[in-house]
């Protein structure tokens, strides 16, 4: 039986769902997960990078907790885990930065297409250890910055017994019209941004030469008539589109194809 990592990339899919609003309005973890999931889909080797980094964070955190339980002080072997945190963290951060650079223009174009109006959208990757702009995509500098941040955060990490530095604390900041999308965007703007992020993911995966399966899970019920039609036009050219809807009339006429109804556990097709 193949291991899960061995089947990565065998079937690639992009899912639109009502929960996607959390990409814009939710916690930073939602946007980190979006980046990492897309990284793994576009380059399966990042599954190992992501797994290695998460393992290091867990074990390093356990070491910090055990040190605090014993009365504090720098635990033996912490420097070794620092090295592993930097090595895996730099690789994951570099992958995210490359991805953000790739999807930035795709998101801007998709947002305008979905919203029906020109929108000044922005994506910025922000490290918790930096207050300035997006970091440079240079692995040596990323490593040096992370080591410096670990040194500065040593006392706080020992007191709180948690890892305070690394890509597990970074943020993908979204903006519309120069304002943060989270907290300032309207409901319609938030939905347009969420859809733009998914459409950008679709385009990134499509660039490899094969369309991913596109799944629209009851998403049209969340959109106004204008956005329904524009989204339908944008995805109509995909090779495979699967649509679910609680109300059939919510599905725009632009999306034609076979339809199946499910009622009382019985499936009927047209």
C-alpha atoms as a PDB file:
ATOM      1  CA  UNK A   1       0.000   0.000   0.000  1.00  0.00           C
ATOM      2  CA  UNK A   2       1.545   3.380  -0.985  1.00  0.00           C
ATOM      3  CA  UNK A   3       2.383   5.907   1.706  1.00  0.00           C
ATOM      4  CA  UNK A   4       0.377   9.175   1.640  1.00  0.00           C
ATOM      5  CA  UNK A   5       3.401  11.170   0.481  1.00  0.00           C
ATOM      6  CA  UNK A   6       3.867   8.832  -2.502  1.00  0.00           C
ATOM      7  CA  UNK A   7       0.459   9.681  -3.993  1.00  0.00           C
ATOM      8  CA  UNK A   8       0.836  13.447  -3.702  1.00  0.00           C
ATOM      9  CA  UNK A   9       0.231  15.034  -7.075  1.00  0.00           C
ATOM     10  CA  UNK A  10      -1.639  12.020  -8.476  1.00  0.00           C
ATOM     11  CA  UNK A  11      -4.872  14.019  -8.414  1.00  0.00           C
ATOM     12  CA  UNK A  12      -4.752  17.757  -7.900  1.00  0.00           C
ATOM     13  CA  UNK A  13      -7.862  19.721  -7.051  1.00  0.00           C
ATOM     14  CA  UNK A  14      -8.877  23.234  -6.070  1.00  0.00           C
ATOM     15  CA  UNK A  15     -11.882  23.532  -3.777  1.00  0.00           C
ATOM     16  CA  UNK A  16     -14.145  26.561  -3.429  1.00  0.00           C
ATOM     17  CA  UNK A  17     -16.373  26.342  -0.327  1.00  0.00           C
ATOM     18  CA  UNK A  18     -18.308  28.704   1.967  1.00  0.00           C
ATOM     19  CA  UNK A  19     -15.566  28.235   4.566  1.00  0.00           C
ATOM     20  CA  UNK A  20     -13.146  30.039   2.237  1.00  0.00           C
ATOM     21  CA  UNK A  21     -14.236  33.347   3.736  1.00  0.00           C
ATOM     22  CA  UNK A  22     -11.909  32.434   6.610  1.00  0.00           C
ATOM     23  CA  UNK A  23      -8.974  32.944   4.222  1.00  0.00           C
ATOM     24  CA  UNK A  24      -9.698  36.663   4.460  1.00  0.00           C
ATOM     25  CA  UNK A  25     -11.427  37.109   7.808  1.00  0.00           C
ATOM     26  CA  UNK A  26      -9.863  34.279   9.791  1.00  0.00           C
ATOM     27  CA  UNK A  27      -6.691  33.920  11.814  1.00  0.00           C
ATOM     28  CA  UNK A  28      -3.215  33.956  10.195  1.00  0.00           C
ATOM     29  CA  UNK A  29      -3.126  30.155  10.451  1.00  0.00           C
ATOM     30  CA  UNK A  30      -5.766  29.990   7.700  1.00  0.00           C
ATOM     31  CA  UNK A  31      -3.556  31.897   5.274  1.00  0.00           C
ATOM     32  CA  UNK A  32      -0.425  29.970   6.246  1.00  0.00           C
ATOM     33  CA  UNK A  33      -2.310  26.746   5.544  1.00  0.00           C
ATOM     34  CA  UNK A  34      -3.402  28.104   2.160  1.00  0.00           C
ATOM     35  CA  UNK A  35       0.213  28.801   1.186  1.00  0.00           C
ATOM     36  CA  UNK A  36       1.552  25.491   2.481  1.00  0.00           C
ATOM     37  CA  UNK A  37      -1.202  23.386   0.895  1.00  0.00           C
ATOM     38  CA  UNK A  38      -0.599  25.070  -2.457  1.00  0.00           C
ATOM     39  CA  UNK A  39       3.158  24.615  -2.088  1.00  0.00           C
ATOM     40  CA  UNK A  40       2.725  20.877  -1.540  1.00  0.00           C
ATOM     41  CA  UNK A  41       0.331  20.553  -4.474  1.00  0.00           C
ATOM     42  CA  UNK A  42       2.594  22.445  -6.854  1.00  0.00           C
ATOM     43  CA  UNK A  43       5.837  20.844  -5.618  1.00  0.00           C
ATOM     44  CA  UNK A  44       5.247  17.644  -3.572  1.00  0.00           C
ATOM     45  CA  UNK A  45       8.756  17.774  -2.080  1.00  0.00           C
ATOM     46  CA  UNK A  46       7.457  20.505   0.232  1.00  0.00           C
ATOM     47  CA  UNK A  47       5.396  17.870   2.024  1.00  0.00           C
ATOM     48  CA  UNK A  48       8.648  16.647   3.539  1.00  0.00           C
ATOM     49  CA  UNK A  49       9.845  20.183   4.288  1.00  0.00           C
ATOM     50  CA  UNK A  50       6.565  21.016   6.007  1.00  0.00           C
ATOM     51  CA  UNK A  51       6.564  17.762   7.985  1.00  0.00           C
ATOM     52  CA  UNK A  52      10.186  18.217   9.073  1.00  0.00           C
ATOM     53  CA  UNK A  53       9.544  21.771  10.229  1.00  0.00           C
ATOM     54  CA  UNK A  54       6.423  20.834  12.217  1.00  0.00           C
ATOM     55  CA  UNK A  55       8.342  17.977  13.870  1.00  0.00           C
ATOM     56  CA  UNK A  56      11.162  20.313  14.897  1.00  0.00           C
ATOM     57  CA  UNK A  57       8.717  22.852  16.353  1.00  0.00           C
ATOM     58  CA  UNK A  58       6.973  20.117  18.390  1.00  0.00           C
ATOM     59  CA  UNK A  59      10.180  18.647  19.771  1.00  0.00           C
ATOM     60  CA  UNK A  60      11.809  21.990  20.430  1.00  0.00           C
ATOM     61  CA  UNK A  61       8.659  23.142  22.273  1.00  0.00           C
ATOM     62  CA  UNK A  62       8.687  19.943  24.344  1.00  0.00           C
ATOM     63  CA  UNK A  63      12.300  20.642  25.319  1.00  0.00           C
ATOM     64  CA  UNK A  64      11.420  24.185  26.384  1.00  0.00           C
ATOM     65  CA  UNK A  65       8.491  22.908  28.468  1.00  0.00           C
ATOM     66  CA  UNK A  66      10.606  20.280  30.184  1.00  0.00           C
ATOM     67  CA  UNK A  67      13.237  22.927  31.010  1.00  0.00           C
ATOM     68  CA  UNK A  68      10.615  25.193  32.583  1.00  0.00           C
ATOM     69  CA  UNK A  69       9.231  22.258  34.591  1.00  0.00           C
ATOM     70  CA  UNK A  70      12.708  21.640  35.993  1.00  0.00           C
ATOM     71  CA  UNK A  71      13.032  25.224  37.165  1.00  0.00           C
ATOM     72  CA  UNK A  72      14.264  27.075  34.100  1.00  0.00           C
ATOM     73  CA  UNK A  73      17.597  27.648  32.458  1.00  0.00           C
ATOM     74  CA  UNK A  74      18.775  26.872  28.955  1.00  0.00           C
ATOM     75  CA  UNK A  75      18.239  23.141  28.363  1.00  0.00           C
ATOM     76  CA  UNK A  76      21.031  20.992  26.989  1.00  0.00           C
ATOM     77  CA  UNK A  77      20.725  20.423  23.252  1.00  0.00           C
ATOM     78  CA  UNK A  78      18.652  23.536  22.525  1.00  0.00           C
ATOM     79  CA  UNK A  79      21.296  24.821  20.108  1.00  0.00           C
ATOM     80  CA  UNK A  80      20.947  21.633  18.049  1.00  0.00           C
ATOM     81  CA  UNK A  81      17.201  22.193  17.730  1.00  0.00           C
ATOM     82  CA  UNK A  82      17.871  25.847  16.869  1.00  0.00           C
ATOM     83  CA  UNK A  83      19.971  24.685  13.915  1.00  0.00           C
ATOM     84  CA  UNK A  84      17.265  22.319  12.735  1.00  0.00           C
ATOM     85  CA  UNK A  85      14.581  24.976  13.169  1.00  0.00           C
ATOM     86  CA  UNK A  86      16.578  27.409  11.036  1.00  0.00           C
ATOM     87  CA  UNK A  87      17.356  24.837   8.336  1.00  0.00           C
ATOM     88  CA  UNK A  88      13.764  23.686   7.877  1.00  0.00           C
ATOM     89  CA  UNK A  89      12.296  27.135   8.553  1.00  0.00           C
ATOM     90  CA  UNK A  90      14.389  28.833   5.885  1.00  0.00           C
ATOM     91  CA  UNK A  91      13.404  26.250   3.278  1.00  0.00           C
ATOM     92  CA  UNK A  92       9.708  26.626   4.068  1.00  0.00           C
ATOM     93  CA  UNK A  93       9.902  30.421   4.182  1.00  0.00           C
ATOM     94  CA  UNK A  94      11.743  30.573   0.850  1.00  0.00           C
ATOM     95  CA  UNK A  95       9.081  28.395  -0.754  1.00  0.00           C
ATOM     96  CA  UNK A  96       6.324  30.612   0.592  1.00  0.00           C
ATOM     97  CA  UNK A  97       8.046  33.765  -0.643  1.00  0.00           C
ATOM     98  CA  UNK A  98       8.448  32.335  -4.143  1.00  0.00           C
ATOM     99  CA  UNK A  99       4.782  31.358  -4.131  1.00  0.00           C
ATOM    100  CA  UNK A 100       3.615  34.791  -2.966  1.00  0.00           C
ATOM    101  CA  UNK A 101       5.588  36.409  -5.773  1.00  0.00           C
ATOM    102  CA  UNK A 102       3.938  34.052  -8.263  1.00  0.00           C
ATOM    103  CA  UNK A 103       0.337  34.502  -7.100  1.00  0.00           C
ATOM    104  CA  UNK A 104       0.429  38.266  -6.415  1.00  0.00           C
ATOM    105  CA  UNK A 105      -0.413  39.298 -10.022  1.00  0.00           C
ATOM    106  CA  UNK A 106      -2.805  36.344 -10.402  1.00  0.00           C
ATOM    107  CA  UNK A 107      -4.784  37.415  -7.332  1.00  0.00           C
ATOM    108  CA  UNK A 108      -4.975  41.018  -8.549  1.00  0.00           C
ATOM    109  CA  UNK A 109      -6.276  39.937 -11.959  1.00  0.00           C
ATOM    110  CA  UNK A 110      -8.747  37.427 -10.529  1.00  0.00           C
ATOM    111  CA  UNK A 111     -10.064  39.919  -7.978  1.00  0.00           C
ATOM    112  CA  UNK A 112     -10.883  42.425 -10.708  1.00  0.00           C
ATOM    113  CA  UNK A 113     -12.549  39.716 -12.796  1.00  0.00           C
ATOM    114  CA  UNK A 114     -14.693  38.396  -9.918  1.00  0.00           C
ATOM    115  CA  UNK A 115     -15.658  41.767  -8.437  1.00  0.00           C
ATOM    116  CA  UNK A 116     -16.356  43.357 -11.812  1.00  0.00           C
ATOM    117  CA  UNK A 117     -14.319  46.412 -10.886  1.00  0.00           C
ATOM    118  CA  UNK A 118     -10.659  47.335 -10.723  1.00  0.00           C
ATOM    119  CA  UNK A 119      -9.331  46.669  -7.247  1.00  0.00           C
ATOM    120  CA  UNK A 120      -6.021  47.658  -5.731  1.00  0.00           C
ATOM    121  CA  UNK A 121      -5.192  44.380  -4.003  1.00  0.00           C
ATOM    122  CA  UNK A 122      -2.020  43.589  -2.111  1.00  0.00           C
ATOM    123  CA  UNK A 123      -0.318  40.503  -0.711  1.00  0.00           C
ATOM    124  CA  UNK A 124       2.630  40.822   1.654  1.00  0.00           C
ATOM    125  CA  UNK A 125       4.436  38.078   3.480  1.00  0.00           C
ATOM    126  CA  UNK A 126       5.409  39.321   6.932  1.00  0.00           C
ATOM    127  CA  UNK A 127       7.752  37.549   9.314  1.00  0.00           C
ATOM    128  CA  UNK A 128       7.017  37.949  13.004  1.00  0.00           C
ATOM    129  CA  UNK A 129      10.714  38.727  13.551  1.00  0.00           C
ATOM    130  CA  UNK A 130      10.650  41.729  11.212  1.00  0.00           C
ATOM    131  CA  UNK A 131       8.775  45.015  11.342  1.00  0.00           C
ATOM    132  CA  UNK A 132       9.839  46.196   7.903  1.00  0.00           C
ATOM    133  CA  UNK A 133       8.626  45.051   4.483  1.00  0.00           C
ATOM    134  CA  UNK A 134       8.550  41.630   2.914  1.00  0.00           C
ATOM    135  CA  UNK A 135      11.856  39.769   3.430  1.00  0.00           C
ATOM    136  CA  UNK A 136      14.284  39.222   0.584  1.00  0.00           C
ATOM    137  CA  UNK A 137      14.332  35.817  -1.046  1.00  0.00           C
ATOM    138  CA  UNK A 138      17.908  35.038  -0.045  1.00  0.00           C
ATOM    139  CA  UNK A 139      18.365  31.912   2.028  1.00  0.00           C
ATOM    140  CA  UNK A 140      21.567  33.003   3.777  1.00  0.00           C
ATOM    141  CA  UNK A 141      19.995  36.271   4.904  1.00  0.00           C
ATOM    142  CA  UNK A 142      16.820  34.466   5.980  1.00  0.00           C
ATOM    143  CA  UNK A 143      18.944  32.115   8.084  1.00  0.00           C
ATOM    144  CA  UNK A 144      20.948  34.934   9.674  1.00  0.00           C
ATOM    145  CA  UNK A 145      17.790  36.873  10.509  1.00  0.00           C
ATOM    146  CA  UNK A 146      16.183  33.814  12.061  1.00  0.00           C
ATOM    147  CA  UNK A 147      19.245  33.066  14.190  1.00  0.00           C
ATOM    148  CA  UNK A 148      19.340  36.679  15.392  1.00  0.00           C
ATOM    149  CA  UNK A 149      15.646  36.538  16.265  1.00  0.00           C
ATOM    150  CA  UNK A 150      16.133  33.299  18.196  1.00  0.00           C
ATOM    151  CA  UNK A 151      18.886  34.922  20.248  1.00  0.00           C
ATOM    152  CA  UNK A 152      16.716  37.964  20.983  1.00  0.00           C
ATOM    153  CA  UNK A 153      13.745  35.774  21.932  1.00  0.00           C
ATOM    154  CA  UNK A 154      15.681  33.304  24.105  1.00  0.00           C
ATOM    155  CA  UNK A 155      14.500  34.628  27.464  1.00  0.00           C
ATOM    156  CA  UNK A 156      10.862  34.952  26.350  1.00  0.00           C
ATOM    157  CA  UNK A 157      10.891  31.430  24.884  1.00  0.00           C
ATOM    158  CA  UNK A 158      12.280  29.977  28.111  1.00  0.00           C
ATOM    159  CA  UNK A 159       9.677  31.833  30.198  1.00  0.00           C
ATOM    160  CA  UNK A 160       6.727  30.906  27.974  1.00  0.00           C
ATOM    161  CA  UNK A 161       8.049  27.486  26.866  1.00  0.00           C
ATOM    162  CA  UNK A 162       6.966  27.949  23.251  1.00  0.00           C
ATOM    163  CA  UNK A 163       8.712  28.572  19.932  1.00  0.00           C
ATOM    164  CA  UNK A 164       8.281  32.277  19.197  1.00  0.00           C
ATOM    165  CA  UNK A 165      10.315  32.434  15.999  1.00  0.00           C
ATOM    166  CA  UNK A 166       9.721  30.730  12.656  1.00  0.00           C
ATOM    167  CA  UNK A 167       7.296  30.441   9.747  1.00  0.00           C
ATOM    168  CA  UNK A 168       4.630  28.917  12.008  1.00  0.00           C
ATOM    169  CA  UNK A 169       4.114  32.472  13.317  1.00  0.00           C
ATOM    170  CA  UNK A 170       4.350  34.399  10.028  1.00  0.00           C
ATOM    171  CA  UNK A 171       1.469  36.103   8.257  1.00  0.00           C
ATOM    172  CA  UNK A 172       0.219  36.586   4.704  1.00  0.00           C
ATOM    173  CA  UNK A 173      -1.248  40.085   4.843  1.00  0.00           C
ATOM    174  CA  UNK A 174      -4.061  40.845   2.391  1.00  0.00           C
ATOM    175  CA  UNK A 175      -5.147  44.352   1.493  1.00  0.00           C
ATOM    176  CA  UNK A 176      -7.807  45.968  -0.686  1.00  0.00           C
ATOM    177  CA  UNK A 177      -7.569  49.612  -1.623  1.00  0.00           C
ATOM    178  CA  UNK A 178      -4.588  50.058   0.671  1.00  0.00           C
ATOM    179  CA  UNK A 179      -6.469  48.836   3.768  1.00  0.00           C
ATOM    180  CA  UNK A 180      -6.137  45.469   5.522  1.00  0.00           C
ATOM    181  CA  UNK A 181      -8.749  43.094   4.107  1.00  0.00           C
ATOM    182  CA  UNK A 182      -9.237  41.534   7.524  1.00  0.00           C
ATOM    183  CA  UNK A 183     -11.386  43.919   9.493  1.00  0.00           C
ATOM    184  CA  UNK A 184     -11.966  46.519   6.760  1.00  0.00           C
ATOM    185  CA  UNK A 185     -13.232  44.687   3.656  1.00  0.00           C
ATOM    186  CA  UNK A 186     -16.976  44.446   3.064  1.00  0.00           C
ATOM    187  CA  UNK A 187     -18.685  41.075   2.735  1.00  0.00           C
ATOM    188  CA  UNK A 188     -18.590  41.274  -1.060  1.00  0.00           C
ATOM    189  CA  UNK A 189     -14.961  42.399  -1.112  1.00  0.00           C
ATOM    190  CA  UNK A 190     -13.993  39.593   1.257  1.00  0.00           C
ATOM    191  CA  UNK A 191     -15.667  37.028  -0.962  1.00  0.00           C
ATOM    192  CA  UNK A 192     -14.012  38.434  -4.065  1.00  0.00           C
ATOM    193  CA  UNK A 193     -10.609  38.212  -2.374  1.00  0.00           C
ATOM    194  CA  UNK A 194     -11.245  34.644  -1.169  1.00  0.00           C
ATOM    195  CA  UNK A 195     -12.298  33.583  -4.664  1.00  0.00           C
ATOM    196  CA  UNK A 196      -9.276  35.379  -6.151  1.00  0.00           C
ATOM    197  CA  UNK A 197      -6.951  33.371  -3.894  1.00  0.00           C
ATOM    198  CA  UNK A 198      -8.517  30.108  -5.071  1.00  0.00           C
ATOM    199  CA  UNK A 199      -8.460  31.158  -8.711  1.00  0.00           C
ATOM    200  CA  UNK A 200      -4.775  32.061  -8.338  1.00  0.00           C
ATOM    201  CA  UNK A 201      -4.139  28.593  -6.896  1.00  0.00           C
ATOM    202  CA  UNK A 202      -5.923  27.080  -9.899  1.00  0.00           C
ATOM    203  CA  UNK A 203      -3.738  29.057 -12.310  1.00  0.00           C
ATOM    204  CA  UNK A 204      -0.532  28.065 -10.492  1.00  0.00           C
ATOM    205  CA  UNK A 205      -1.413  24.371 -10.735  1.00  0.00           C
ATOM    206  CA  UNK A 206      -2.654  24.727 -14.314  1.00  0.00           C
ATOM    207  CA  UNK A 207       0.716  26.195 -15.342  1.00  0.00           C
ATOM    208  CA  UNK A 208       2.271  22.739 -14.991  1.00  0.00           C
ATOM    209  CA  UNK A 209       0.372  21.698 -18.125  1.00  0.00           C
ATOM    210  CA  UNK A 210      -2.643  19.895 -16.669  1.00  0.00           C
ATOM    211  CA  UNK A 211      -5.804  21.430 -15.250  1.00  0.00           C
ATOM    212  CA  UNK A 212      -6.609  20.451 -11.672  1.00  0.00           C
ATOM    213  CA  UNK A 213     -10.145  19.338 -10.862  1.00  0.00           C
ATOM    214  CA  UNK A 214     -12.192  22.362  -9.820  1.00  0.00           C
ATOM    215  CA  UNK A 215     -14.771  21.802  -7.082  1.00  0.00           C
ATOM    216  CA  UNK A 216     -17.392  24.451  -6.295  1.00  0.00           C
ATOM    217  CA  UNK A 217     -19.042  23.308  -3.076  1.00  0.00           C
ATOM    218  CA  UNK A 218     -22.291  25.273  -2.617  1.00  0.00           C
ATOM    219  CA  UNK A 219     -20.346  28.487  -3.162  1.00  0.00           C
ATOM    220  CA  UNK A 220     -22.895  30.201  -5.420  1.00  0.00           C
ATOM    221  CA  UNK A 221     -25.383  30.526  -2.555  1.00  0.00           C
ATOM    222  CA  UNK A 222     -22.898  32.885  -0.868  1.00  0.00           C
ATOM    223  CA  UNK A 223     -22.534  35.213  -3.882  1.00  0.00           C
ATOM    224  CA  UNK A 224     -24.669  37.941  -5.388  1.00  0.00           C
ATOM    225  CA  UNK A 225     -25.957  37.517  -8.946  1.00  0.00           C
ATOM    226  CA  UNK A 226     -23.138  39.510 -10.514  1.00  0.00           C
ATOM    227  CA  UNK A 227     -20.365  37.537  -8.833  1.00  0.00           C
ATOM    228  CA  UNK A 228     -22.111  34.247  -9.642  1.00  0.00           C
ATOM    229  CA  UNK A 229     -22.098  35.010 -13.342  1.00  0.00           C
ATOM    230  CA  UNK A 230     -18.547  36.315 -13.423  1.00  0.00           C
ATOM    231  CA  UNK A 231     -17.200  33.334 -11.476  1.00  0.00           C
ATOM    232  CA  UNK A 232     -19.046  30.950 -13.782  1.00  0.00           C
ATOM    233  CA  UNK A 233     -17.499  32.603 -16.833  1.00  0.00           C
ATOM    234  CA  UNK A 234     -14.026  32.356 -15.311  1.00  0.00           C
ATOM    235  CA  UNK A 235     -14.217  28.631 -14.516  1.00  0.00           C
ATOM    236  CA  UNK A 236     -16.285  27.446 -17.481  1.00  0.00           C
ATOM    237  CA  UNK A 237     -13.141  26.683 -19.465  1.00  0.00           C
ATOM    238  CA  UNK A 238     -11.673  24.303 -16.885  1.00  0.00           C
ATOM    239  CA  UNK A 239     -11.341  20.668 -17.952  1.00  0.00           C
ATOM    240  CA  UNK A 240     -13.313  19.252 -15.011  1.00  0.00           C
ATOM    241  CA  UNK A 241     -15.685  21.245 -12.819  1.00  0.00           C
ATOM    242  CA  UNK A 242     -17.775  19.659 -10.056  1.00  0.00           C
ATOM    243  CA  UNK A 243     -20.552  21.820  -8.604  1.00  0.00           C
ATOM    244  CA  UNK A 244     -22.719  21.170  -5.557  1.00  0.00           C
ATOM    245  CA  UNK A 245     -25.713  23.310  -4.639  1.00  0.00           C
ATOM    246  CA  UNK A 246     -28.579  23.018  -2.191  1.00  0.00           C
ATOM    247  CA  UNK A 247     -30.746  25.004  -4.610  1.00  0.00           C
ATOM    248  CA  UNK A 248     -30.347  24.179  -8.277  1.00  0.00           C
ATOM    249  CA  UNK A 249     -31.328  27.672  -9.362  1.00  0.00           C
ATOM    250  CA  UNK A 250     -28.205  29.050  -7.657  1.00  0.00           C
ATOM    251  CA  UNK A 251     -26.011  27.495 -10.358  1.00  0.00           C
ATOM    252  CA  UNK A 252     -25.527  29.935 -13.261  1.00  0.00           C
ATOM    253  CA  UNK A 253     -26.635  28.806 -16.696  1.00  0.00           C
ATOM    254  CA  UNK A 254     -23.074  29.343 -17.970  1.00  0.00           C
ATOM    255  CA  UNK A 255     -22.137  26.082 -16.228  1.00  0.00           C
ATOM    256  CA  UNK A 256     -23.841  23.427 -18.314  1.00  0.00           C
ATOM    257  CA  UNK A 257     -23.314  19.680 -18.035  1.00  0.00           C
ATOM    258  CA  UNK A 258     -24.743  16.589 -16.422  1.00  0.00           C
ATOM    259  CA  UNK A 259     -26.760  17.148 -13.275  1.00  0.00           C
ATOM    260  CA  UNK A 260     -27.537  14.762 -10.457  1.00  0.00           C
ATOM    261  CA  UNK A 261     -30.051  15.228  -7.648  1.00  0.00           C
ATOM    262  CA  UNK A 262     -29.787  13.691  -4.194  1.00  0.00           C
ATOM    263  CA  UNK A 263     -32.949  13.349  -2.147  1.00  0.00           C
ATOM    264  CA  UNK A 264     -33.664  10.979   0.730  1.00  0.00           C
ATOM    265  CA  UNK A 265     -30.498   9.054  -0.043  1.00  0.00           C
ATOM    266  CA  UNK A 266     -31.452   8.470  -3.670  1.00  0.00           C
ATOM    267  CA  UNK A 267     -29.383   9.788  -6.597  1.00  0.00           C
ATOM    268  CA  UNK A 268     -31.092  10.588  -9.879  1.00  0.00           C
ATOM    269  CA  UNK A 269     -29.406  11.937 -12.995  1.00  0.00           C
ATOM    270  CA  UNK A 270     -30.485  13.999 -15.941  1.00  0.00           C
END
